[in-house]
Amino acid sequence: MSDERYKRLIHGICGGIFLIGLAILFYLDIFWPWILALVGIIIIIETIAKH
């Protein structure tokens, strides 16, 4: 798998995880403080996967 294709795959997977996490936060009505944790988790996952 080429490097560019791998980066696009990781980016797509992280986007999907973010949307699922966002839906869960809205469903549980605990949006505000936990959105920051969700964004942090996505950034960590994407950074680890790209390096």
PDB file of N, CA and C in Angstrom:
ATOM      1  N   MET A   1       0.850  -1.174   0.000  1.00  0.00           N
ATOM      2  CA  MET A   1       0.000   0.000   0.000  1.00  0.00           C
ATOM      3  C   MET A   1       0.895   1.236   0.000  1.00  0.00           C
ATOM      4  N   SER A   2       0.571   2.181  -0.865  1.00  0.00           N
ATOM      5  CA  SER A   2       1.398   3.386  -0.946  1.00  0.00           C
ATOM      6  C   SER A   2       1.191   4.261   0.287  1.00  0.00           C
ATOM      7  N   ASP A   3       2.167   5.120   0.524  1.00  0.00           N
ATOM      8  CA  ASP A   3       2.144   5.973   1.711  1.00  0.00           C
ATOM      9  C   ASP A   3       0.954   6.935   1.682  1.00  0.00           C
ATOM     10  N   GLU A   4       0.687   7.508   0.523  1.00  0.00           N
ATOM     11  CA  GLU A   4      -0.437   8.459   0.408  1.00  0.00           C
ATOM     12  C   GLU A   4      -1.778   7.761   0.622  1.00  0.00           C
ATOM     13  N   ARG A   5      -1.913   6.567   0.089  1.00  0.00           N
ATOM     14  CA  ARG A   5      -3.152   5.809   0.270  1.00  0.00           C
ATOM     15  C   ARG A   5      -3.346   5.437   1.731  1.00  0.00           C
ATOM     16  N   TYR A   6      -2.275   5.066   2.404  1.00  0.00           N
ATOM     17  CA  TYR A   6      -2.335   4.720   3.826  1.00  0.00           C
ATOM     18  C   TYR A   6      -2.778   5.924   4.653  1.00  0.00           C
ATOM     19  N   LYS A   7      -2.238   7.114   4.350  1.00  0.00           N
ATOM     20  CA  LYS A   7      -2.618   8.329   5.087  1.00  0.00           C
ATOM     21  C   LYS A   7      -4.085   8.667   4.874  1.00  0.00           C
ATOM     22  N   ARG A   8      -4.582   8.497   3.658  1.00  0.00           N
ATOM     23  CA  ARG A   8      -5.997   8.769   3.393  1.00  0.00           C
ATOM     24  C   ARG A   8      -6.887   7.769   4.123  1.00  0.00           C
ATOM     25  N   LEU A   9      -6.449   6.516   4.199  1.00  0.00           N
ATOM     26  CA  LEU A   9      -7.211   5.500   4.917  1.00  0.00           C
ATOM     27  C   LEU A   9      -7.298   5.829   6.398  1.00  0.00           C
ATOM     28  N   ILE A  10      -6.182   6.190   7.007  1.00  0.00           N
ATOM     29  CA  ILE A  10      -6.161   6.554   8.424  1.00  0.00           C
ATOM     30  C   ILE A  10      -7.038   7.771   8.678  1.00  0.00           C
ATOM     31  N   HIS A  11      -6.954   8.764   7.794  1.00  0.00           N
ATOM     32  CA  HIS A  11      -7.759   9.974   7.938  1.00  0.00           C
ATOM     33  C   HIS A  11      -9.250   9.641   7.857  1.00  0.00           C
ATOM     34  N   GLY A  12      -9.636   8.771   6.966  1.00  0.00           N
ATOM     35  CA  GLY A  12     -11.032   8.359   6.833  1.00  0.00           C
ATOM     36  C   GLY A  12     -11.528   7.598   8.046  1.00  0.00           C
ATOM     37  N   ILE A  13     -10.697   6.709   8.568  1.00  0.00           N
ATOM     38  CA  ILE A  13     -11.075   5.942   9.749  1.00  0.00           C
ATOM     39  C   ILE A  13     -11.249   6.870  10.951  1.00  0.00           C
ATOM     40  N   CYS A  14     -10.342   7.819  11.115  1.00  0.00           N
ATOM     41  CA  CYS A  14     -10.447   8.772  12.229  1.00  0.00           C
ATOM     42  C   CYS A  14     -11.688   9.647  12.084  1.00  0.00           C
ATOM     43  N   GLY A  15     -12.019  10.015  10.863  1.00  0.00           N
ATOM     44  CA  GLY A  15     -13.241  10.784  10.631  1.00  0.00           C
ATOM     45  C   GLY A  15     -14.482   9.996  11.021  1.00  0.00           C
ATOM     46  N   GLY A  16     -14.488   8.728  10.691  1.00  0.00           N
ATOM     47  CA  GLY A  16     -15.611   7.871  11.073  1.00  0.00           C
ATOM     48  C   GLY A  16     -15.727   7.702  12.576  1.00  0.00           C
ATOM     49  N   ILE A  17     -14.601   7.513  13.242  1.00  0.00           N
ATOM     50  CA  ILE A  17     -14.605   7.390  14.698  1.00  0.00           C
ATOM     51  C   ILE A  17     -15.110   8.679  15.336  1.00  0.00           C
ATOM     52  N   PHE A  18     -14.687   9.818  14.776  1.00  0.00           N
ATOM     53  CA  PHE A  18     -15.138  11.102  15.307  1.00  0.00           C
ATOM     54  C   PHE A  18     -16.653  11.245  15.178  1.00  0.00           C
ATOM     55  N   LEU A  19     -17.207  10.895  14.025  1.00  0.00           N
ATOM     56  CA  LEU A  19     -18.644  11.028  13.828  1.00  0.00           C
ATOM     57  C   LEU A  19     -19.437  10.090  14.735  1.00  0.00           C
ATOM     58  N   ILE A  20     -18.949   8.885  14.923  1.00  0.00           N
ATOM     59  CA  ILE A  20     -19.615   7.949  15.828  1.00  0.00           C
ATOM     60  C   ILE A  20     -19.553   8.467  17.264  1.00  0.00           C
ATOM     61  N   GLY A  21     -18.376   8.969  17.662  1.00  0.00           N
ATOM     62  CA  GLY A  21     -18.231   9.538  19.000  1.00  0.00           C
ATOM     63  C   GLY A  21     -19.126  10.747  19.205  1.00  0.00           C
ATOM     64  N   LEU A  22     -19.250  11.582  18.189  1.00  0.00           N
ATOM     65  CA  LEU A  22     -20.112  12.752  18.259  1.00  0.00           C
ATOM     66  C   LEU A  22     -21.575  12.340  18.426  1.00  0.00           C
ATOM     67  N   ALA A  23     -21.987  11.329  17.694  1.00  0.00           N
ATOM     68  CA  ALA A  23     -23.361  10.830  17.820  1.00  0.00           C
ATOM     69  C   ALA A  23     -23.618  10.294  19.225  1.00  0.00           C
ATOM     70  N   ILE A  24     -22.651   9.591  19.787  1.00  0.00           N
ATOM     71  CA  ILE A  24     -22.793   9.061  21.148  1.00  0.00           C
ATOM     72  C   ILE A  24     -22.904  10.195  22.157  1.00  0.00           C
ATOM     73  N   LEU A  25     -22.090  11.237  21.987  1.00  0.00           N
ATOM     74  CA  LEU A  25     -22.149  12.378  22.904  1.00  0.00           C
ATOM     75  C   LEU A  25     -23.505  13.079  22.838  1.00  0.00           C
ATOM     76  N   PHE A  26     -24.034  13.257  21.657  1.00  0.00           N
ATOM     77  CA  PHE A  26     -25.357  13.877  21.531  1.00  0.00           C
ATOM     78  C   PHE A  26     -26.438  12.973  22.115  1.00  0.00           C
ATOM     79  N   TYR A  27     -26.321  11.669  21.894  1.00  0.00           N
ATOM     80  CA  TYR A  27     -27.320  10.729  22.404  1.00  0.00           C
ATOM     81  C   TYR A  27     -27.343  10.720  23.931  1.00  0.00           C
ATOM     82  N   LEU A  28     -26.169  10.737  24.548  1.00  0.00           N
ATOM     83  CA  LEU A  28     -26.080  10.698  26.003  1.00  0.00           C
ATOM     84  C   LEU A  28     -26.236  12.080  26.639  1.00  0.00           C
ATOM     85  N   ASP A  29     -26.302  13.122  25.818  1.00  0.00           N
ATOM     86  CA  ASP A  29     -26.476  14.504  26.262  1.00  0.00           C
ATOM     87  C   ASP A  29     -25.363  14.937  27.218  1.00  0.00           C
ATOM     88  N   ILE A  30     -24.145  14.565  26.877  1.00  0.00           N
ATOM     89  CA  ILE A  30     -22.969  14.976  27.662  1.00  0.00           C
ATOM     90  C   ILE A  30     -21.962  15.632  26.730  1.00  0.00           C
ATOM     91  N   PHE A  31     -22.470  16.545  25.907  1.00  0.00           N
ATOM     92  CA  PHE A  31     -21.675  17.072  24.804  1.00  0.00           C
ATOM     93  C   PHE A  31     -20.482  17.896  25.253  1.00  0.00           C
ATOM     94  N   TRP A  32     -20.717  18.948  26.043  1.00  0.00           N
ATOM     95  CA  TRP A  32     -19.679  19.969  26.194  1.00  0.00           C
ATOM     96  C   TRP A  32     -18.345  19.487  26.753  1.00  0.00           C
ATOM     97  N   PRO A  33     -18.241  18.953  27.940  1.00  0.00           N
ATOM     98  CA  PRO A  33     -16.863  18.689  28.367  1.00  0.00           C
ATOM     99  C   PRO A  33     -16.205  17.537  27.603  1.00  0.00           C
ATOM    100  N   TRP A  34     -17.004  16.619  27.097  1.00  0.00           N
ATOM    101  CA  TRP A  34     -16.446  15.421  26.482  1.00  0.00           C
ATOM    102  C   TRP A  34     -16.062  15.596  25.025  1.00  0.00           C
ATOM    103  N   ILE A  35     -16.535  16.662  24.363  1.00  0.00           N
ATOM    104  CA  ILE A  35     -16.127  16.898  22.986  1.00  0.00           C
ATOM    105  C   ILE A  35     -14.622  17.160  22.921  1.00  0.00           C
ATOM    106  N   LEU A  36     -14.096  17.805  23.949  1.00  0.00           N
ATOM    107  CA  LEU A  36     -12.651  18.069  23.989  1.00  0.00           C
ATOM    108  C   LEU A  36     -11.854  16.772  24.112  1.00  0.00           C
ATOM    109  N   ALA A  37     -12.362  15.846  24.914  1.00  0.00           N
ATOM    110  CA  ALA A  37     -11.696  14.549  25.046  1.00  0.00           C
ATOM    111  C   ALA A  37     -11.764  13.775  23.731  1.00  0.00           C
ATOM    112  N   LEU A  38     -12.899  13.842  23.056  1.00  0.00           N
ATOM    113  CA  LEU A  38     -13.054  13.151  21.769  1.00  0.00           C
ATOM    114  C   LEU A  38     -12.074  13.698  20.737  1.00  0.00           C
ATOM    115  N   VAL A  39     -11.954  15.010  20.653  1.00  0.00           N
ATOM    116  CA  VAL A  39     -11.018  15.617  19.709  1.00  0.00           C
ATOM    117  C   VAL A  39      -9.586  15.213  20.055  1.00  0.00           C
ATOM    118  N   GLY A  40      -9.252  15.207  21.330  1.00  0.00           N
ATOM    119  CA  GLY A  40      -7.915  14.792  21.759  1.00  0.00           C
ATOM    120  C   GLY A  40      -7.611  13.350  21.390  1.00  0.00           C
ATOM    121  N   ILE A  41      -8.577  12.485  21.581  1.00  0.00           N
ATOM    122  CA  ILE A  41      -8.396  11.064  21.252  1.00  0.00           C
ATOM    123  C   ILE A  41      -8.173  10.889  19.750  1.00  0.00           C
ATOM    124  N   ILE A  42      -8.941  11.604  18.950  1.00  0.00           N
ATOM    125  CA  ILE A  42      -8.791  11.511  17.495  1.00  0.00           C
ATOM    126  C   ILE A  42      -7.419  12.009  17.064  1.00  0.00           C
ATOM    127  N   ILE A  43      -6.965  13.112  17.640  1.00  0.00           N
ATOM    128  CA  ILE A  43      -5.641  13.641  17.298  1.00  0.00           C
ATOM    129  C   ILE A  43      -4.547  12.645  17.666  1.00  0.00           C
ATOM    130  N   ILE A  44      -4.655  12.030  18.834  1.00  0.00           N
ATOM    131  CA  ILE A  44      -3.662  11.044  19.269  1.00  0.00           C
ATOM    132  C   ILE A  44      -3.648   9.829  18.345  1.00  0.00           C
ATOM    133  N   ILE A  45      -4.815   9.325  18.011  1.00  0.00           N
ATOM    134  CA  ILE A  45      -4.914   8.141  17.142  1.00  0.00           C
ATOM    135  C   ILE A  45      -4.300   8.449  15.769  1.00  0.00           C
ATOM    136  N   GLU A  46      -4.653   9.601  15.211  1.00  0.00           N
ATOM    137  CA  GLU A  46      -4.145   9.932  13.879  1.00  0.00           C
ATOM    138  C   GLU A  46      -2.635  10.155  13.901  1.00  0.00           C
ATOM    139  N   THR A  47      -2.134  10.778  14.942  1.00  0.00           N
ATOM    140  CA  THR A  47      -0.691  11.019  15.041  1.00  0.00           C
ATOM    141  C   THR A  47       0.094   9.708  15.185  1.00  0.00           C
ATOM    142  N   ILE A  48      -0.381   8.823  16.031  1.00  0.00           N
ATOM    143  CA  ILE A  48       0.301   7.538  16.223  1.00  0.00           C
ATOM    144  C   ILE A  48       0.257   6.704  14.943  1.00  0.00           C
ATOM    145  N   ALA A  49      -0.875   6.704  14.258  1.00  0.00           N
ATOM    146  CA  ALA A  49      -1.017   5.888  13.066  1.00  0.00           C
ATOM    147  C   ALA A  49      -0.177   6.393  11.898  1.00  0.00           C
ATOM    148  N   LYS A  50       0.057   7.697  11.824  1.00  0.00           N
ATOM    149  CA  LYS A  50       0.834   8.247  10.714  1.00  0.00           C
ATOM    150  C   LYS A  50       2.329   8.128  10.913  1.00  0.00           C
ATOM    151  N   HIS A  51       2.784   7.857  12.120  1.00  0.00           N
ATOM    152  CA  HIS A  51       4.225   7.775  12.357  1.00  0.00           C
ATOM    153  C   HIS A  51       4.644   6.390  12.609  1.00  0.00           C
TER     154      HIS A  51
END
